[in-house]
Amino acid sequence: MKKYFLILICLSTFAFMFGCEKEKLDSNYNAKFRIDSLKQDSFLFAHQYWVKGKVRVFYTLVNNDAVVLNSYHYTINAMSRDSNYYQIAETHYNTVVANSEYHDSTKIGIGNIRVAYVRIDNITFQ
């Protein structure tokens, strides 16, 4: 009798554990990135050569949703004038309140060449 009672308790425990479902969060946010401007550092070396430096990307995160964003992850893709492709992934834990904008910037190094274009891809919000 004790054996059947133990099996019944184990089965009911497993049914309770696997019967509960975790709350699913909404993964579709009404937020987007907008690149405001680019600034590439440069300096004149020995009054003869212009040396190009890192590219600073100024962007705005526009949160049009009624939810607070606590973190976001993105990938910055940049292409230089000689068609080399550069990529950097970043995660920021900045809080963006509902129906607001957040301005920030980041840097990406592309070598000693001028930048052709920059875009932001692989965006995830939490």
Protein backbone atom coordinates (compact mmCIF):
# COMPACT_ATOMS: atom_id res chain seq x y z
CA MET A 1 0.00 0.00 0.00
CA LYS A 2 2.84 2.38 0.83
CA LYS A 3 4.41 1.66 -2.56
CA TYR A 4 1.26 2.70 -4.45
CA PHE A 5 0.86 5.78 -2.29
CA LEU A 6 4.48 6.86 -3.02
CA ILE A 7 3.97 6.33 -6.78
CA LEU A 8 0.75 8.37 -6.64
CA ILE A 9 2.54 11.23 -4.84
CA CYS A 10 5.41 11.17 -7.36
CA LEU A 11 3.01 11.20 -10.32
CA SER A 12 0.98 14.05 -8.89
CA THR A 13 4.18 16.02 -8.17
CA PHE A 14 5.41 15.56 -11.75
CA ALA A 15 1.98 16.48 -13.12
CA PHE A 16 2.01 19.67 -11.06
CA MET A 17 5.60 20.59 -12.05
CA PHE A 18 5.14 20.06 -15.77
CA GLY A 19 1.57 21.34 -15.83
CA CYS A 20 2.54 24.86 -14.78
CA GLU A 21 3.40 27.21 -17.60
CA LYS A 22 5.71 30.19 -17.43
CA GLU A 23 4.24 33.52 -18.43
CA LYS A 24 5.23 34.36 -21.99
CA LEU A 25 6.40 37.91 -22.52
CA ASP A 26 5.56 39.97 -25.57
CA SER A 27 8.53 39.88 -27.94
CA ASN A 28 7.17 42.43 -30.42
CA TYR A 29 8.04 45.93 -29.30
CA ASN A 30 7.12 49.11 -31.11
CA ALA A 31 10.63 50.57 -30.90
CA LYS A 32 13.22 51.37 -33.53
CA PHE A 33 16.71 52.75 -33.99
CA ARG A 34 17.48 55.86 -36.00
CA ILE A 35 21.05 56.83 -36.96
CA ASP A 36 21.37 60.57 -36.41
CA SER A 37 24.90 61.24 -37.60
CA LEU A 38 28.39 59.85 -38.08
CA LYS A 39 31.65 61.41 -37.06
CA GLN A 40 35.01 59.98 -38.04
CA ASP A 41 38.11 61.12 -36.21
CA SER A 42 41.04 62.15 -38.39
CA PHE A 43 44.32 63.98 -37.97
CA LEU A 44 47.06 65.30 -40.21
CA PHE A 45 50.26 63.29 -39.84
CA ALA A 46 53.51 65.17 -40.54
CA HIS A 47 51.58 67.81 -42.53
CA GLN A 48 51.33 65.32 -45.35
CA TYR A 49 48.90 62.42 -44.72
CA TRP A 50 45.37 62.37 -43.31
CA VAL A 51 44.99 59.44 -40.93
CA LYS A 52 41.41 58.30 -40.39
CA GLY A 53 40.35 56.95 -37.01
CA LYS A 54 37.33 55.40 -35.35
CA VAL A 55 33.79 56.17 -36.47
CA ARG A 56 31.40 57.47 -33.82
CA VAL A 57 27.77 56.56 -34.55
CA PHE A 58 25.16 58.80 -32.92
CA TYR A 59 21.78 57.10 -32.74
CA THR A 60 18.35 57.56 -31.22
CA LEU A 61 16.24 54.78 -29.79
CA VAL A 62 12.56 55.66 -30.26
CA ASN A 63 10.21 53.76 -27.94
CA ASN A 64 6.64 54.18 -29.24
CA ASP A 65 5.25 51.45 -27.00
CA ALA A 66 3.60 51.63 -23.59
CA VAL A 67 6.25 49.31 -22.09
CA VAL A 68 9.54 50.22 -20.44
CA LEU A 69 12.61 48.85 -22.22
CA ASN A 70 15.30 47.72 -19.77
CA SER A 71 17.95 46.53 -22.19
CA TYR A 72 18.63 46.28 -25.89
CA HIS A 73 21.11 44.43 -28.07
CA TYR A 74 22.19 45.42 -31.56
CA THR A 75 24.88 44.89 -34.16
CA ILE A 76 26.52 47.80 -35.95
CA ASN A 77 27.62 47.04 -39.49
CA ALA A 78 29.98 49.46 -41.23
CA MET A 79 31.57 49.41 -44.65
CA SER A 80 34.65 51.37 -45.55
CA ARG A 81 35.31 52.98 -48.93
CA ASP A 82 37.52 50.04 -49.97
CA SER A 83 34.57 47.64 -49.39
CA ASN A 84 35.82 46.09 -46.18
CA TYR A 85 33.01 45.08 -43.86
CA TYR A 86 33.23 45.66 -40.10
CA GLN A 87 30.86 44.51 -37.38
CA ILE A 88 30.48 45.01 -33.64
CA ALA A 89 27.75 43.69 -31.32
CA GLU A 90 26.79 45.58 -28.18
CA THR A 91 24.33 45.20 -25.33
CA HIS A 92 23.20 48.21 -23.32
CA TYR A 93 21.27 48.13 -20.05
CA ASN A 94 19.80 51.61 -20.30
CA THR A 95 16.19 52.08 -19.25
CA VAL A 96 14.03 53.72 -21.91
CA VAL A 97 10.66 54.77 -20.54
CA ALA A 98 7.44 54.40 -22.50
CA ASN A 99 6.73 56.81 -25.37
CA SER A 100 10.13 58.50 -25.27
CA GLU A 101 13.46 58.77 -27.07
CA TYR A 102 16.94 57.91 -25.86
CA HIS A 103 20.04 59.40 -27.50
CA ASP A 104 23.37 57.59 -27.32
CA SER A 105 26.52 56.92 -29.31
CA THR A 106 29.02 54.16 -29.88
CA LYS A 107 32.34 53.74 -31.68
CA ILE A 108 33.48 51.26 -34.31
CA GLY A 109 37.00 51.05 -35.68
CA ILE A 110 37.29 50.57 -39.43
CA GLY A 111 41.00 51.14 -39.99
CA ASN A 112 42.71 53.97 -41.85
CA ILE A 113 40.04 54.50 -44.51
CA ARG A 114 36.93 56.64 -44.85
CA VAL A 115 33.54 55.18 -43.94
CA ALA A 116 31.03 54.46 -46.74
CA TYR A 117 27.91 53.58 -44.74
CA VAL A 118 26.73 52.34 -41.34
CA ARG A 119 23.58 50.46 -40.41
CA ILE A 120 22.14 48.84 -37.27
CA ASP A 121 20.89 45.23 -37.48
CA ASN A 122 19.93 42.28 -35.25
CA ILE A 123 17.99 44.36 -32.75
CA THR A 124 16.46 42.70 -29.69
CA PHE A 125 14.70 44.41 -26.80
CA GLN A 126 13.86 43.32 -23.27
